[in-house]
Amino acid sequence: MKREYFILTLVIAIVLNACNTKKQDPKDSNVPIIESPYFGQKPPGLIPEIFAPGIISLNGRYEHSVSFSPDLDEIYFTASKKDGDASVYYSKLKDKKWTNPKKANFTKGKKKEEMEAFVNLSGDEIYFTAYDSIFGDEKIWYVNRLKDSWSVAKKLDSPINDDWVFYSNQAKNGDLYYFNISKRKTYYAPNKNGKFPEVHEVGIGGAHAFISPTQDYIVVNARNQEDDQRQSDIYVYFKEKDGTWSKAINLGKEVNSNFPESCPSITPDGNYLFFGRYNEEGGESNVYWVSTEIISKLKLAYFKKEQ
């Protein structure tokens, strides 16, 4: 079984007991690259749509963990063949056209696998997970923005990396959120002048937590406790007035299907939710996206009910 999916299913099982358009085959991936943000696709509404079929989403491959640069002119995502090594791929909008996706290879071979690369909201750093063996040495690494490339990758010097960790993403205020595989919980590390000298438990369930650009909600994937057949749904936690987090709220049948959904992320403009849906015949995942209006509606209903 593929490494990332194995991590996903095992983490979900542990945590909850306490990432109509047909995809094209990989050989068809050199299709004309379409102009404009989001590869020229019509933005989705409240019903998720497959993202960039034939360019990002390919048959016979896992794709998940999508991140865009603040100007929406770069995309980073994780992809791998079944039983293959995970890699971060990227594409850039140049001369009004998207380049063909290529491997980022941030560590230049220092680590066997790289995944879950997220650009921060300033656009000057990318945090990602790199490792050689599953449940052995998953750590958070980072690169800094150069003029038209990225610096040499470095392992983050922080207590974050005292354990096995993954899925790091940075809030607008600089705090770094991540999942601690060893402790099976989501943590955050406050930004102290660009350093992360301490860590704190967030106090939510699920895995693959992603903090919104506005920092008023977090999306996660978690097992549906009300339906044993649903291995993994997308949930949202809203920030309360006292700074704590609400209960987990399921995004509903419009987003969550009979297939596992995982690895949620929010675009820098806050307009779209991206996630992986494991709906291929062989169990591989596709990238889907949906308007965050669905989260706004849930937020309105939740706080109205709490009044």
Protein backbone atom coordinates (compact mmCIF):
# COMPACT_ATOMS: atom_id res chain seq x y z
CA MET A 1 0.00 0.00 0.00
CA LYS A 2 1.24 3.46 -0.77
CA ARG A 3 3.14 5.14 2.05
CA GLU A 4 1.09 8.34 2.33
CA TYR A 5 -2.20 6.45 2.22
CA PHE A 6 -0.92 4.04 4.85
CA ILE A 7 0.03 7.00 7.05
CA LEU A 8 -3.38 8.58 6.43
CA THR A 9 -5.46 5.53 7.31
CA LEU A 10 -3.38 4.58 10.35
CA VAL A 11 -3.31 8.12 11.74
CA ILE A 12 -7.07 8.50 11.29
CA ALA A 13 -7.80 5.21 13.03
CA ILE A 14 -5.61 6.12 15.98
CA VAL A 15 -6.62 9.75 16.31
CA LEU A 16 -10.34 9.18 16.20
CA ASN A 17 -10.24 6.41 18.72
CA ALA A 18 -8.83 8.93 21.50
CA CYS A 19 -5.87 15.33 0.60
CA ASN A 20 -18.15 14.40 -13.63
CA THR A 21 -14.76 15.33 -15.39
CA LYS A 22 -12.66 12.31 -16.23
CA LYS A 23 -8.98 12.34 -15.44
CA GLN A 24 -6.53 11.81 -18.29
CA ASP A 25 -3.80 9.21 -18.37
CA PRO A 26 -0.23 10.19 -17.42
CA LYS A 27 0.84 9.79 -21.04
CA ASP A 28 -1.55 12.62 -21.91
CA SER A 29 -0.06 15.03 -19.35
CA ASN A 30 1.68 17.25 -21.91
CA VAL A 31 -1.57 18.95 -22.82
CA PRO A 32 -1.63 22.67 -23.69
CA ILE A 33 -1.19 24.64 -20.46
CA ILE A 34 -4.06 27.04 -19.99
CA GLU A 35 -3.71 30.72 -19.13
CA SER A 36 -5.00 32.49 -15.99
CA PRO A 37 -5.21 31.50 -12.29
CA TYR A 38 -6.26 27.97 -11.42
CA PHE A 39 -5.28 26.71 -14.88
CA GLY A 40 -8.18 28.49 -16.55
CA GLN A 41 -10.79 26.35 -14.87
CA LYS A 42 -14.24 27.64 -14.04
CA PRO A 43 -14.29 28.13 -10.27
CA PRO A 44 -16.49 25.61 -8.43
CA GLY A 45 -19.45 26.47 -6.26
CA LEU A 46 -20.70 24.37 -3.36
CA ILE A 47 -20.11 21.07 -5.18
CA PRO A 48 -16.46 19.89 -5.42
CA GLU A 49 -14.92 19.54 -8.88
CA ILE A 50 -11.83 17.63 -9.93
CA PHE A 51 -8.89 20.03 -10.32
CA ALA A 52 -6.91 20.39 -13.56
CA PRO A 53 -7.54 16.90 -15.00
CA GLY A 54 -4.72 15.81 -17.27
CA ILE A 55 -2.34 18.39 -15.78
CA ILE A 56 -2.40 18.05 -12.00
CA SER A 57 -4.84 15.16 -11.60
CA LEU A 58 -3.68 12.10 -13.52
CA ASN A 59 -4.99 8.55 -13.65
CA GLY A 60 -2.99 5.94 -11.75
CA ARG A 61 -1.32 8.41 -9.41
CA TYR A 62 -1.86 9.81 -5.92
CA GLU A 63 -2.21 13.60 -5.75
CA HIS A 64 -2.92 15.66 -2.63
CA SER A 65 -1.69 18.49 -0.38
CA VAL A 66 -2.10 21.47 -2.70
CA SER A 67 -0.56 24.88 -2.01
CA PHE A 68 -0.53 28.12 -4.01
CA SER A 69 1.77 31.11 -3.69
CA PRO A 70 0.13 34.33 -2.41
CA ASP A 71 -0.09 35.75 -5.95
CA LEU A 72 -1.62 32.47 -7.19
CA ASP A 73 1.10 32.15 -9.83
CA GLU A 74 2.74 29.01 -8.40
CA ILE A 75 1.27 25.68 -7.34
CA TYR A 76 2.89 22.93 -5.28
CA PHE A 77 1.37 19.50 -4.69
CA THR A 78 2.36 15.99 -3.66
CA ALA A 79 2.17 13.11 -6.14
CA SER A 80 3.37 9.53 -6.41
CA LYS A 81 2.72 6.35 -8.29
CA LYS A 82 1.35 3.37 -6.39
CA ASP A 83 4.15 1.88 -4.27
CA GLY A 84 6.41 4.69 -5.50
CA ASP A 85 8.21 7.47 -3.62
CA ALA A 86 6.36 10.67 -2.79
CA SER A 87 7.56 13.86 -4.47
CA VAL A 88 6.58 17.51 -4.47
CA TYR A 89 5.69 18.85 -7.91
CA TYR A 90 5.34 22.48 -8.95
CA SER A 91 4.14 24.61 -11.84
CA LYS A 92 4.50 28.35 -12.44
CA LEU A 93 2.46 30.89 -14.37
CA LYS A 94 4.96 32.42 -16.80
CA ASP A 95 4.13 34.68 -19.73
CA LYS A 96 0.45 34.05 -18.96
CA LYS A 97 0.86 30.27 -19.29
CA TRP A 98 1.37 27.52 -16.74
CA THR A 99 4.51 25.42 -17.09
CA ASN A 100 4.32 21.64 -17.15
CA PRO A 101 4.56 20.30 -13.56
CA LYS A 102 8.06 19.20 -12.50
CA LYS A 103 9.57 17.66 -9.38
CA ALA A 104 10.81 20.27 -6.92
CA ASN A 105 13.49 18.00 -5.39
CA PHE A 106 14.14 20.46 -2.57
CA THR A 107 16.60 18.27 -0.65
CA LYS A 108 18.57 17.30 -3.77
CA GLY A 109 18.60 13.63 -2.78
CA LYS A 110 19.44 14.13 0.89
CA LYS A 111 16.08 12.57 1.74
CA LYS A 112 14.37 9.80 -0.18
CA GLU A 113 10.87 11.29 -0.16
CA GLU A 114 9.36 14.78 0.05
CA MET A 115 5.72 15.71 0.47
CA GLU A 116 3.20 18.27 1.75
CA ALA A 117 4.93 21.49 0.68
CA PHE A 118 3.06 24.62 1.76
CA VAL A 119 4.04 28.16 0.77
CA ASN A 120 3.63 30.65 3.61
CA LEU A 121 1.36 33.68 3.18
CA SER A 122 4.36 35.97 2.68
CA GLY A 123 5.54 33.82 -0.20
CA ASP A 124 9.12 33.77 1.05
CA GLU A 125 9.29 30.27 2.58
CA ILE A 126 8.04 26.76 1.95
CA TYR A 127 7.72 24.22 4.74
CA PHE A 128 7.54 20.55 3.78
CA THR A 129 7.99 17.01 5.09
CA ALA A 130 11.03 14.95 4.13
CA TYR A 131 11.91 11.41 5.19
CA ASP A 132 13.67 8.17 4.27
CA SER A 133 11.44 5.63 5.99
CA ILE A 134 7.80 5.57 7.05
CA PHE A 135 7.31 6.11 10.80
CA GLY A 136 11.07 6.48 11.10
CA ASP A 137 12.32 9.98 10.42
CA GLU A 138 9.55 12.29 9.17
CA LYS A 139 10.76 15.84 9.86
CA ILE A 140 9.87 19.38 8.82
CA TRP A 141 12.24 21.05 6.36
CA TYR A 142 12.11 24.46 4.71
CA VAL A 143 13.49 26.52 1.83
CA ASN A 144 13.73 30.30 1.45
CA ARG A 145 12.72 32.30 -1.60
CA LEU A 146 15.54 33.48 -3.84
CA LYS A 147 15.04 35.67 -6.93
CA ASP A 148 13.52 33.00 -9.16
CA SER A 149 14.22 29.81 -7.24
CA TRP A 150 14.52 28.38 -3.73
CA SER A 151 17.48 28.11 -1.37
CA VAL A 152 19.20 24.93 -0.22
CA ALA A 153 16.76 22.96 1.93
CA LYS A 154 17.39 22.84 5.67
CA LYS A 155 15.84 20.78 8.44
CA LEU A 156 13.97 23.07 10.80
CA ASP A 157 15.92 23.65 14.02
CA SER A 158 13.07 23.47 16.51
CA PRO A 159 11.54 21.20 19.17
CA ILE A 160 8.96 20.48 16.45
CA ASN A 161 11.40 17.96 15.03
CA ASP A 162 11.96 16.14 18.32
CA ASP A 163 9.26 13.68 17.15
CA TRP A 164 7.93 12.28 13.88
CA VAL A 165 5.92 15.10 12.34
CA PHE A 166 4.26 16.15 9.09
CA TYR A 167 1.75 18.48 7.41
CA SER A 168 3.26 21.81 8.50
CA ASN A 169 1.54 25.02 7.41
CA GLN A 170 2.08 28.58 8.59
CA ALA A 171 -0.55 31.00 9.84
CA LYS A 172 -0.63 34.66 8.85
CA ASN A 173 0.95 35.63 12.18
CA GLY A 174 3.84 33.23 11.51
CA ASP A 175 2.83 30.43 13.88
CA LEU A 176 3.51 26.98 12.45
CA TYR A 177 0.82 24.28 12.65
CA TYR A 178 1.69 20.60 12.21
CA PHE A 179 0.69 17.04 13.11
CA ASN A 180 2.78 15.09 15.59
CA ILE A 181 2.67 11.47 14.46
CA SER A 182 4.33 10.26 17.66
CA LYS A 183 1.78 11.92 19.95
CA ARG A 184 -1.09 11.63 17.44
CA LYS A 185 -2.14 15.25 17.93
CA THR A 186 -2.08 18.62 16.18
CA TYR A 187 0.33 21.19 17.57
CA TYR A 188 1.41 24.73 16.79
CA ALA A 189 4.69 26.52 17.40
CA PRO A 190 4.53 30.30 18.02
CA ASN A 191 6.79 32.35 15.78
CA LYS A 192 9.45 34.05 17.90
CA ASN A 193 11.41 36.33 15.55
CA GLY A 194 11.51 33.65 12.87
CA LYS A 195 12.29 30.83 15.30
CA PHE A 196 10.04 28.16 16.81
CA PRO A 197 11.49 27.46 20.28
CA GLU A 198 8.33 26.02 21.87
CA VAL A 199 5.30 23.96 20.89
CA HIS A 200 1.72 23.80 22.16
CA GLU A 201 -1.16 21.41 21.63
CA VAL A 202 -3.98 22.95 19.56
CA GLY A 203 -6.69 20.92 21.27
CA ILE A 204 -8.56 19.53 18.28
CA GLY A 205 -9.07 16.06 16.80
CA GLY A 206 -8.43 14.69 13.35
CA ALA A 207 -5.29 14.86 11.24
CA HIS A 208 -3.82 17.03 8.45
CA ALA A 209 -4.97 20.25 10.12
CA PHE A 210 -4.74 23.39 7.98
CA ILE A 211 -5.13 26.88 9.44
CA SER A 212 -7.17 29.34 7.38
CA PRO A 213 -5.58 32.60 6.10
CA THR A 214 -7.86 34.54 8.46
CA GLN A 215 -6.92 32.20 11.33
CA ASP A 216 -10.56 31.91 12.36
CA TYR A 217 -10.98 28.26 11.41
CA ILE A 218 -9.04 25.03 10.92
CA VAL A 219 -9.93 22.23 8.52
CA VAL A 220 -8.96 18.60 9.19
CA ASN A 221 -9.80 15.12 7.98
CA ALA A 222 -11.22 12.65 10.47
CA ARG A 223 -13.21 9.44 10.65
CA ASN A 224 -16.96 9.96 10.66
CA GLN A 225 -18.05 8.76 14.09
CA GLU A 226 -21.68 8.53 12.98
CA ASP A 227 -20.97 6.34 9.94
CA ASP A 228 -18.44 3.52 10.25
CA GLN A 229 -18.29 3.19 6.46
CA ARG A 230 -16.77 6.65 6.07
CA GLN A 231 -13.05 6.34 6.75
CA SER A 232 -12.25 10.01 6.39
CA ASP A 233 -14.35 13.17 6.01
CA ILE A 234 -13.39 16.85 6.01
CA TYR A 235 -14.33 18.75 9.17
CA VAL A 236 -13.97 22.36 10.31
CA TYR A 237 -13.27 23.89 13.72
CA PHE A 238 -14.21 27.55 14.28
CA LYS A 239 -12.36 29.84 16.67
CA GLU A 240 -14.53 30.96 19.57
CA LYS A 241 -14.46 34.47 21.07
CA ASP A 242 -12.33 33.21 23.95
CA GLY A 243 -9.70 31.80 21.58
CA THR A 244 -10.67 28.15 22.01
CA TRP A 245 -11.90 25.96 19.18
CA SER A 246 -15.45 24.81 18.54
CA LYS A 247 -16.55 21.23 18.19
CA ALA A 248 -15.75 19.50 14.89
CA ILE A 249 -18.34 20.24 12.21
CA ASN A 250 -18.69 17.93 9.21
CA LEU A 251 -18.70 19.75 5.86
CA GLY A 252 -21.62 17.61 4.79
CA LYS A 253 -22.51 15.35 1.91
CA GLU A 254 -21.85 18.10 -0.64
CA VAL A 255 -18.12 17.80 0.13
CA ASN A 256 -17.75 14.39 1.77
CA SER A 257 -18.50 11.34 -0.35
CA ASN A 258 -18.43 7.59 0.18
CA PHE A 259 -14.72 7.76 -0.64
CA PRO A 260 -12.07 8.95 1.84
CA GLU A 261 -11.32 12.68 1.70
CA SER A 262 -8.07 13.97 3.18
CA CYS A 263 -5.29 16.56 3.24
CA PRO A 264 -7.41 19.74 3.15
CA SER A 265 -5.86 23.14 2.42
CA ILE A 266 -7.15 26.65 1.83
CA THR A 267 -5.96 28.99 -0.94
CA PRO A 268 -4.15 32.19 0.17
CA ASP A 269 -7.11 34.33 -0.91
CA GLY A 270 -9.36 32.21 1.29
CA ASN A 271 -11.73 31.46 -1.59
CA TYR A 272 -11.24 27.72 -2.16
CA LEU A 273 -10.78 24.50 -0.25
CA PHE A 274 -8.57 21.84 -1.87
CA PHE A 275 -8.41 18.20 -0.77
CA GLY A 276 -7.58 14.70 -1.95
CA ARG A 277 -10.34 12.20 -2.71
CA TYR A 278 -9.33 8.54 -2.93
CA ASN A 279 -11.87 7.60 -5.60
CA GLU A 280 -9.90 5.86 -8.33
CA GLU A 281 -10.47 2.16 -8.97
CA GLY A 282 -7.04 1.31 -7.62
CA GLY A 283 -7.49 3.51 -4.54
CA GLU A 284 -5.41 6.43 -5.80
CA SER A 285 -6.46 9.98 -5.00
CA ASN A 286 -7.58 12.91 -7.17
CA VAL A 287 -7.32 16.59 -6.29
CA TYR A 288 -10.68 18.31 -5.79
CA TRP A 289 -11.62 21.91 -5.02
CA VAL A 290 -14.74 23.66 -3.75
CA SER A 291 -15.75 27.18 -2.74
CA THR A 292 -15.13 28.08 0.91
CA GLU A 293 -18.61 29.59 0.84
CA ILE A 294 -19.67 26.21 2.22
CA ILE A 295 -17.52 26.90 5.30
CA SER A 296 -18.91 30.44 5.59
CA LYS A 297 -22.46 29.05 5.63
CA LEU A 298 -21.56 26.57 8.36
CA LYS A 299 -19.88 29.32 10.38
CA LEU A 300 -22.94 31.55 10.16
CA ALA A 301 -25.23 28.71 11.23
CA TYR A 302 -22.94 27.64 14.08
CA PHE A 303 -22.58 31.06 15.72
CA LYS A 304 -26.23 31.86 15.20
CA LYS A 305 -27.08 28.67 17.08
CA GLU A 306 -24.64 29.56 19.86
CA GLN A 307 -26.26 32.97 20.49
